[in-house]
Amino acid sequence: MPTPTRPARRSWLEATGQLWKLHLFFALMGAAVVLTVPILGFPGLAVVLPVSPAAICLLQMACFAGAMLWLAGSMICERCQGSFAWYFVTHGDLGSWLVRLRAAAECPRCGDEPDLR
């Protein structure tokens, strides 16, 4: 708990300046979801669009795959060179990886705490 003498610890992503990478992941996932609308939400809209529904599906899959590759490869611990984000995706409860990723104050692989450097 933060007190006047002990400030709150920042998350590992904030302390290392890598929080923007998580935001880009969200943007890529959002783009993939938006691409779902013409196909699933409004089937008549697919007729109006100048590209085929198959092309939209391929673009949507590319956004999802790109987002996951970005997540796996972009957030790297400087100390152990391990993929910080991918560790949370592949270890522990699948439903809470994002919460654990955002809240972590240290690297789960090597224990690096950027706030204490």
Protein backbone atom coordinates (compact mmCIF):
# COMPACT_ATOMS: atom_id res chain seq x y z
CA MET A 1 0.00 0.00 0.00
CA PRO A 2 1.44 3.40 -0.97
CA THR A 3 2.28 5.75 1.86
CA PRO A 4 3.88 9.20 1.90
CA THR A 5 7.27 7.57 2.55
CA ARG A 6 6.82 4.60 0.19
CA PRO A 7 5.46 5.36 -3.30
CA ALA A 8 3.44 2.82 -5.23
CA ARG A 9 5.49 0.44 -7.37
CA ARG A 10 5.02 0.80 -11.08
CA SER A 11 4.33 -2.21 -13.23
CA TRP A 12 7.21 -3.79 -15.14
CA LEU A 13 5.75 -2.53 -18.41
CA GLU A 14 5.59 1.06 -17.13
CA ALA A 15 9.02 0.95 -15.53
CA THR A 16 10.69 -0.34 -18.70
CA GLY A 17 8.77 1.97 -21.04
CA GLN A 18 7.12 -0.95 -22.85
CA LEU A 19 3.47 -0.23 -22.02
CA TRP A 20 2.94 1.21 -25.51
CA LYS A 21 3.61 -2.26 -26.92
CA LEU A 22 0.60 -3.60 -25.03
CA HIS A 23 -1.49 -0.73 -26.38
CA LEU A 24 -0.43 -1.60 -29.93
CA PHE A 25 -1.47 -5.20 -29.27
CA PHE A 26 -4.91 -3.91 -28.24
CA ALA A 27 -5.12 -1.81 -31.42
CA LEU A 28 -4.31 -4.83 -33.62
CA MET A 29 -6.88 -6.97 -31.81
CA GLY A 30 -9.43 -4.16 -32.14
CA ALA A 31 -8.80 -3.98 -35.89
CA ALA A 32 -9.38 -7.72 -36.15
CA VAL A 33 -12.68 -7.40 -34.27
CA VAL A 34 -13.78 -4.48 -36.46
CA LEU A 35 -13.10 -6.62 -39.53
CA THR A 36 -15.54 -9.19 -38.14
CA VAL A 37 -18.47 -6.77 -38.41
CA PRO A 38 -18.91 -6.85 -42.22
CA ILE A 39 -18.83 -10.63 -42.24
CA LEU A 40 -20.82 -11.64 -39.17
CA GLY A 41 -22.70 -8.55 -38.02
CA PHE A 42 -24.04 -7.17 -41.29
CA PRO A 43 -23.96 -9.74 -44.10
CA GLY A 44 -25.48 -7.24 -46.56
CA LEU A 45 -22.55 -4.90 -46.00
CA ALA A 46 -20.22 -7.45 -47.58
CA VAL A 47 -22.04 -6.91 -50.89
CA VAL A 48 -21.38 -3.15 -50.75
CA LEU A 49 -17.67 -3.46 -49.94
CA PRO A 50 -15.27 -3.49 -52.90
CA VAL A 51 -13.41 -6.57 -51.59
CA SER A 52 -14.58 -10.12 -51.20
CA PRO A 53 -15.57 -11.58 -47.82
CA ALA A 54 -12.71 -14.06 -48.21
CA ALA A 55 -10.22 -11.18 -48.45
CA ILE A 56 -11.71 -9.62 -45.31
CA CYS A 57 -11.39 -12.96 -43.49
CA LEU A 58 -7.74 -13.25 -44.52
CA LEU A 59 -7.05 -9.71 -43.35
CA GLN A 60 -8.81 -10.44 -40.07
CA MET A 61 -6.75 -13.59 -39.50
CA ALA A 62 -3.58 -11.65 -40.36
CA CYS A 63 -4.48 -9.03 -37.73
CA PHE A 64 -5.08 -11.69 -35.07
CA ALA A 65 -1.88 -13.55 -35.95
CA GLY A 66 0.10 -10.31 -36.13
CA ALA A 67 -1.21 -9.23 -32.74
CA MET A 68 -0.17 -12.50 -31.11
CA LEU A 69 3.25 -12.46 -32.79
CA TRP A 70 3.70 -8.86 -31.66
CA LEU A 71 2.74 -9.82 -28.10
CA ALA A 72 5.15 -12.76 -28.10
CA GLY A 73 8.09 -10.98 -29.62
CA SER A 74 7.99 -7.34 -28.59
CA MET A 75 8.10 -7.25 -24.79
CA ILE A 76 11.58 -8.56 -23.99
CA CYS A 77 13.30 -8.45 -20.61
CA GLU A 78 16.66 -6.70 -20.93
CA ARG A 79 18.21 -8.89 -18.24
CA CYS A 80 17.25 -12.42 -19.34
CA GLN A 81 16.17 -11.72 -22.94
CA GLY A 82 13.00 -13.72 -22.32
CA SER A 83 9.58 -12.83 -23.73
CA PHE A 84 7.88 -11.12 -20.81
CA ALA A 85 4.33 -11.18 -22.19
CA TRP A 86 4.45 -14.66 -23.68
CA TYR A 87 5.40 -16.09 -20.31
CA PHE A 88 2.06 -14.91 -18.88
CA VAL A 89 0.10 -16.25 -21.86
CA THR A 90 1.66 -19.71 -21.59
CA HIS A 91 1.92 -20.08 -17.79
CA GLY A 92 -0.93 -19.99 -15.30
CA ASP A 93 -4.63 -19.44 -15.71
CA LEU A 94 -5.65 -18.57 -19.27
CA GLY A 95 -8.41 -16.24 -18.09
CA SER A 96 -6.10 -13.98 -16.09
CA TRP A 97 -2.96 -13.61 -18.21
CA LEU A 98 -3.75 -10.04 -19.21
CA VAL A 99 -4.38 -8.90 -15.63
CA ARG A 100 -1.18 -10.61 -14.43
CA LEU A 101 0.80 -9.15 -17.35
CA ARG A 102 -0.37 -5.61 -16.66
CA ALA A 103 0.15 -5.81 -12.89
CA ALA A 104 3.52 -7.61 -12.75
CA ALA A 105 6.25 -5.56 -11.06
CA GLU A 106 9.07 -7.94 -11.98
CA CYS A 107 10.07 -10.33 -14.74
CA PRO A 108 8.62 -13.77 -13.93
CA ARG A 109 11.62 -15.54 -15.46
CA CYS A 110 14.55 -13.78 -13.79
CA GLY A 111 13.01 -11.53 -11.12
CA ASP A 112 14.28 -8.29 -12.70
CA GLU A 113 12.70 -5.28 -10.99
CA PRO A 114 13.34 -2.15 -13.06
CA ASP A 115 12.15 0.17 -10.28
CA LEU A 116 14.94 -1.11 -8.02
CA ARG A 117 17.79 -0.62 -10.52
